[in-house]
Amino acid sequence: MDSFDSPRLRGSLIAGTILLAVGLLFLLNNFDFIYLGPVTHFWPLIVIAIGVTKFLSAEHPSERRRGGWWIMIGLWLLISTLHLYGFSFHNSWPILLIVLGINSLWRALDPQSTCRHSKGYHYAN
């Protein structure tokens, strides 16, 4: 069990607190208790930033792919939120299914994805 000094637990507590605070702010904005202005349209940039950070700090291709997922989800959220190219959440959700299918095919055809790498050790799925 993790102690409060654990970086993993500390990171989870910080992330959870931030998500809770941001969620409350957006909820209060939706009910017109506060006004956040145009900031509410660009929140997916946070998801994209997380993805870029994960992608650039990745030591293994599977970690890079995880960062790519964050970036793709963030871009989809941004496009849907801003209604770019006529897309909205209502009509763009099938794009996620297409991307999931591409990822599944990529993993099946990529011989590197059959083994996971963890700190120099290899083990099968």
C-alpha atoms as a PDB file:
ATOM      1  CA  MET A   1       0.000   0.000   0.000  1.00  0.00           C
ATOM      2  CA  ASP A   2       1.306   3.471  -0.880  1.00  0.00           C
ATOM      3  CA  SER A   3       2.234   5.905   1.864  1.00  0.00           C
ATOM      4  CA  PHE A   4       1.506   9.619   1.618  1.00  0.00           C
ATOM      5  CA  ASP A   5       5.189  10.159   0.750  1.00  0.00           C
ATOM      6  CA  SER A   6       4.873   8.063  -2.403  1.00  0.00           C
ATOM      7  CA  PRO A   7       5.277  10.096  -5.620  1.00  0.00           C
ATOM      8  CA  ARG A   8       2.513   8.023  -7.229  1.00  0.00           C
ATOM      9  CA  LEU A   9       0.010   8.782  -4.465  1.00  0.00           C
ATOM     10  CA  ARG A  10       1.063  12.424  -4.295  1.00  0.00           C
ATOM     11  CA  GLY A  11       0.613  12.741  -8.088  1.00  0.00           C
ATOM     12  CA  SER A  12      -2.825  11.110  -7.888  1.00  0.00           C
ATOM     13  CA  LEU A  13      -3.885  13.457  -5.080  1.00  0.00           C
ATOM     14  CA  ILE A  14      -2.731  16.504  -7.023  1.00  0.00           C
ATOM     15  CA  ALA A  15      -4.367  15.327 -10.262  1.00  0.00           C
ATOM     16  CA  GLY A  16      -7.600  14.453  -8.440  1.00  0.00           C
ATOM     17  CA  THR A  17      -7.726  17.820  -6.698  1.00  0.00           C
ATOM     18  CA  ILE A  18      -7.131  19.674  -9.968  1.00  0.00           C
ATOM     19  CA  LEU A  19      -9.802  17.644 -11.788  1.00  0.00           C
ATOM     20  CA  LEU A  20     -12.264  18.241  -8.958  1.00  0.00           C
ATOM     21  CA  ALA A  21     -11.609  22.000  -8.930  1.00  0.00           C
ATOM     22  CA  VAL A  22     -11.804  22.350 -12.716  1.00  0.00           C
ATOM     23  CA  GLY A  23     -14.973  20.254 -12.827  1.00  0.00           C
ATOM     24  CA  LEU A  24     -16.605  22.415 -10.155  1.00  0.00           C
ATOM     25  CA  LEU A  25     -15.615  25.599 -12.001  1.00  0.00           C
ATOM     26  CA  PHE A  26     -17.112  24.337 -15.257  1.00  0.00           C
ATOM     27  CA  LEU A  27     -20.276  23.164 -13.474  1.00  0.00           C
ATOM     28  CA  LEU A  28     -20.698  26.568 -11.823  1.00  0.00           C
ATOM     29  CA  ASN A  29     -20.156  28.183 -15.218  1.00  0.00           C
ATOM     30  CA  ASN A  30     -22.792  25.929 -16.821  1.00  0.00           C
ATOM     31  CA  PHE A  31     -25.328  26.983 -14.168  1.00  0.00           C
ATOM     32  CA  ASP A  32     -24.385  30.668 -14.589  1.00  0.00           C
ATOM     33  CA  PHE A  33     -23.109  31.049 -11.024  1.00  0.00           C
ATOM     34  CA  ILE A  34     -19.778  32.275 -12.385  1.00  0.00           C
ATOM     35  CA  TYR A  35     -18.556  33.381 -15.811  1.00  0.00           C
ATOM     36  CA  LEU A  36     -15.393  31.821 -17.163  1.00  0.00           C
ATOM     37  CA  GLY A  37     -15.629  33.410 -20.595  1.00  0.00           C
ATOM     38  CA  PRO A  38     -13.897  31.940 -23.627  1.00  0.00           C
ATOM     39  CA  VAL A  39     -11.643  29.788 -21.414  1.00  0.00           C
ATOM     40  CA  THR A  40     -14.377  27.153 -21.427  1.00  0.00           C
ATOM     41  CA  HIS A  41     -13.833  26.568 -25.141  1.00  0.00           C
ATOM     42  CA  PHE A  42     -10.128  25.820 -24.863  1.00  0.00           C
ATOM     43  CA  TRP A  43      -9.991  23.347 -21.964  1.00  0.00           C
ATOM     44  CA  PRO A  44      -9.030  20.474 -24.322  1.00  0.00           C
ATOM     45  CA  LEU A  45      -5.627  22.155 -24.675  1.00  0.00           C
ATOM     46  CA  ILE A  46      -4.898  20.758 -21.195  1.00  0.00           C
ATOM     47  CA  VAL A  47      -5.473  17.218 -22.494  1.00  0.00           C
ATOM     48  CA  ILE A  48      -3.271  17.939 -25.519  1.00  0.00           C
ATOM     49  CA  ALA A  49      -0.514  19.327 -23.258  1.00  0.00           C
ATOM     50  CA  ILE A  50      -0.626  16.157 -21.126  1.00  0.00           C
ATOM     51  CA  GLY A  51      -0.305  14.091 -24.301  1.00  0.00           C
ATOM     52  CA  VAL A  52       2.626  16.110 -25.632  1.00  0.00           C
ATOM     53  CA  THR A  53       4.388  15.781 -22.269  1.00  0.00           C
ATOM     54  CA  LYS A  54       3.831  12.016 -22.183  1.00  0.00           C
ATOM     55  CA  PHE A  55       4.892  11.678 -25.834  1.00  0.00           C
ATOM     56  CA  LEU A  56       8.111  13.665 -25.440  1.00  0.00           C
ATOM     57  CA  SER A  57       9.127  12.009 -22.163  1.00  0.00           C
ATOM     58  CA  ALA A  58       8.429   8.460 -23.390  1.00  0.00           C
ATOM     59  CA  GLU A  59      11.269   5.972 -23.236  1.00  0.00           C
ATOM     60  CA  HIS A  60       9.471   3.255 -25.203  1.00  0.00           C
ATOM     61  CA  PRO A  61       7.217   3.270 -28.295  1.00  0.00           C
ATOM     62  CA  SER A  62       4.217   1.986 -26.312  1.00  0.00           C
ATOM     63  CA  GLU A  63       4.554   4.947 -23.940  1.00  0.00           C
ATOM     64  CA  ARG A  64       4.803   7.246 -26.955  1.00  0.00           C
ATOM     65  CA  ARG A  65       1.615   5.702 -28.330  1.00  0.00           C
ATOM     66  CA  ARG A  66      -0.112   6.454 -25.002  1.00  0.00           C
ATOM     67  CA  GLY A  67       0.939  10.090 -25.330  1.00  0.00           C
ATOM     68  CA  GLY A  68      -0.369  10.030 -28.892  1.00  0.00           C
ATOM     69  CA  TRP A  69      -3.717   8.837 -27.575  1.00  0.00           C
ATOM     70  CA  TRP A  70      -3.919  11.786 -25.184  1.00  0.00           C
ATOM     71  CA  ILE A  71      -3.098  14.121 -28.075  1.00  0.00           C
ATOM     72  CA  MET A  72      -5.718  12.526 -30.362  1.00  0.00           C
ATOM     73  CA  ILE A  73      -8.423  12.658 -27.682  1.00  0.00           C
ATOM     74  CA  GLY A  74      -7.498  16.274 -26.910  1.00  0.00           C
ATOM     75  CA  LEU A  75      -7.672  17.241 -30.586  1.00  0.00           C
ATOM     76  CA  TRP A  76     -11.045  15.529 -30.937  1.00  0.00           C
ATOM     77  CA  LEU A  77     -12.325  17.348 -27.854  1.00  0.00           C
ATOM     78  CA  LEU A  78     -11.003  20.679 -29.126  1.00  0.00           C
ATOM     79  CA  ILE A  79     -12.491  20.251 -32.604  1.00  0.00           C
ATOM     80  CA  SER A  80     -15.830  19.145 -31.156  1.00  0.00           C
ATOM     81  CA  THR A  81     -15.923  21.914 -28.542  1.00  0.00           C
ATOM     82  CA  LEU A  82     -15.092  24.659 -31.053  1.00  0.00           C
ATOM     83  CA  HIS A  83     -17.325  23.090 -33.743  1.00  0.00           C
ATOM     84  CA  LEU A  84     -14.488  23.254 -36.260  1.00  0.00           C
ATOM     85  CA  TYR A  85     -15.269  21.955 -39.758  1.00  0.00           C
ATOM     86  CA  GLY A  86     -18.881  21.412 -38.679  1.00  0.00           C
ATOM     87  CA  PHE A  87     -17.940  18.765 -36.113  1.00  0.00           C
ATOM     88  CA  SER A  88     -19.635  18.496 -32.733  1.00  0.00           C
ATOM     89  CA  PHE A  89     -19.768  15.774 -30.102  1.00  0.00           C
ATOM     90  CA  HIS A  90     -23.009  14.594 -31.695  1.00  0.00           C
ATOM     91  CA  ASN A  91     -21.561  13.877 -35.139  1.00  0.00           C
ATOM     92  CA  SER A  92     -17.853  13.249 -34.471  1.00  0.00           C
ATOM     93  CA  TRP A  93     -17.846  10.368 -31.967  1.00  0.00           C
ATOM     94  CA  PRO A  94     -17.425   7.731 -34.743  1.00  0.00           C
ATOM     95  CA  ILE A  95     -13.941   9.184 -35.307  1.00  0.00           C
ATOM     96  CA  LEU A  96     -12.953   7.661 -31.957  1.00  0.00           C
ATOM     97  CA  LEU A  97     -14.107   4.231 -33.159  1.00  0.00           C
ATOM     98  CA  ILE A  98     -12.039   4.637 -36.337  1.00  0.00           C
ATOM     99  CA  VAL A  99      -8.943   5.630 -34.339  1.00  0.00           C
ATOM    100  CA  LEU A 100      -9.497   2.675 -31.962  1.00  0.00           C
ATOM    101  CA  GLY A 101      -9.693   0.357 -34.969  1.00  0.00           C
ATOM    102  CA  ILE A 102      -6.496   1.780 -36.462  1.00  0.00           C
ATOM    103  CA  ASN A 103      -4.721   1.383 -33.123  1.00  0.00           C
ATOM    104  CA  SER A 104      -5.914  -2.209 -32.790  1.00  0.00           C
ATOM    105  CA  LEU A 105      -4.692  -3.047 -36.307  1.00  0.00           C
ATOM    106  CA  TRP A 106      -1.380  -1.301 -35.642  1.00  0.00           C
ATOM    107  CA  ARG A 107      -0.811  -3.303 -32.448  1.00  0.00           C
ATOM    108  CA  ALA A 108      -1.746  -6.569 -34.194  1.00  0.00           C
ATOM    109  CA  LEU A 109       0.616  -5.969 -37.119  1.00  0.00           C
ATOM    110  CA  ASP A 110       3.499  -4.460 -35.117  1.00  0.00           C
ATOM    111  CA  PRO A 111       5.877  -7.188 -33.893  1.00  0.00           C
ATOM    112  CA  GLN A 112       7.269  -4.785 -31.265  1.00  0.00           C
ATOM    113  CA  SER A 113       3.881  -4.557 -29.523  1.00  0.00           C
ATOM    114  CA  THR A 114       3.795  -8.281 -28.680  1.00  0.00           C
ATOM    115  CA  CYS A 115       6.310  -7.701 -25.881  1.00  0.00           C
ATOM    116  CA  ARG A 116       6.060  -5.047 -23.230  1.00  0.00           C
ATOM    117  CA  HIS A 117       9.226  -3.391 -22.027  1.00  0.00           C
ATOM    118  CA  SER A 118       9.646  -2.510 -18.391  1.00  0.00           C
ATOM    119  CA  LYS A 119      12.983  -1.124 -17.223  1.00  0.00           C
ATOM    120  CA  GLY A 120      14.979  -3.322 -19.590  1.00  0.00           C
ATOM    121  CA  TYR A 121      13.097  -6.551 -18.887  1.00  0.00           C
ATOM    122  CA  HIS A 122      10.893  -8.213 -21.488  1.00  0.00           C
ATOM    123  CA  TYR A 123       7.796 -10.172 -20.714  1.00  0.00           C
ATOM    124  CA  ALA A 124       4.994 -11.494 -22.919  1.00  0.00           C
ATOM    125  CA  ASN A 125       1.430 -10.117 -22.814  1.00  0.00           C
END
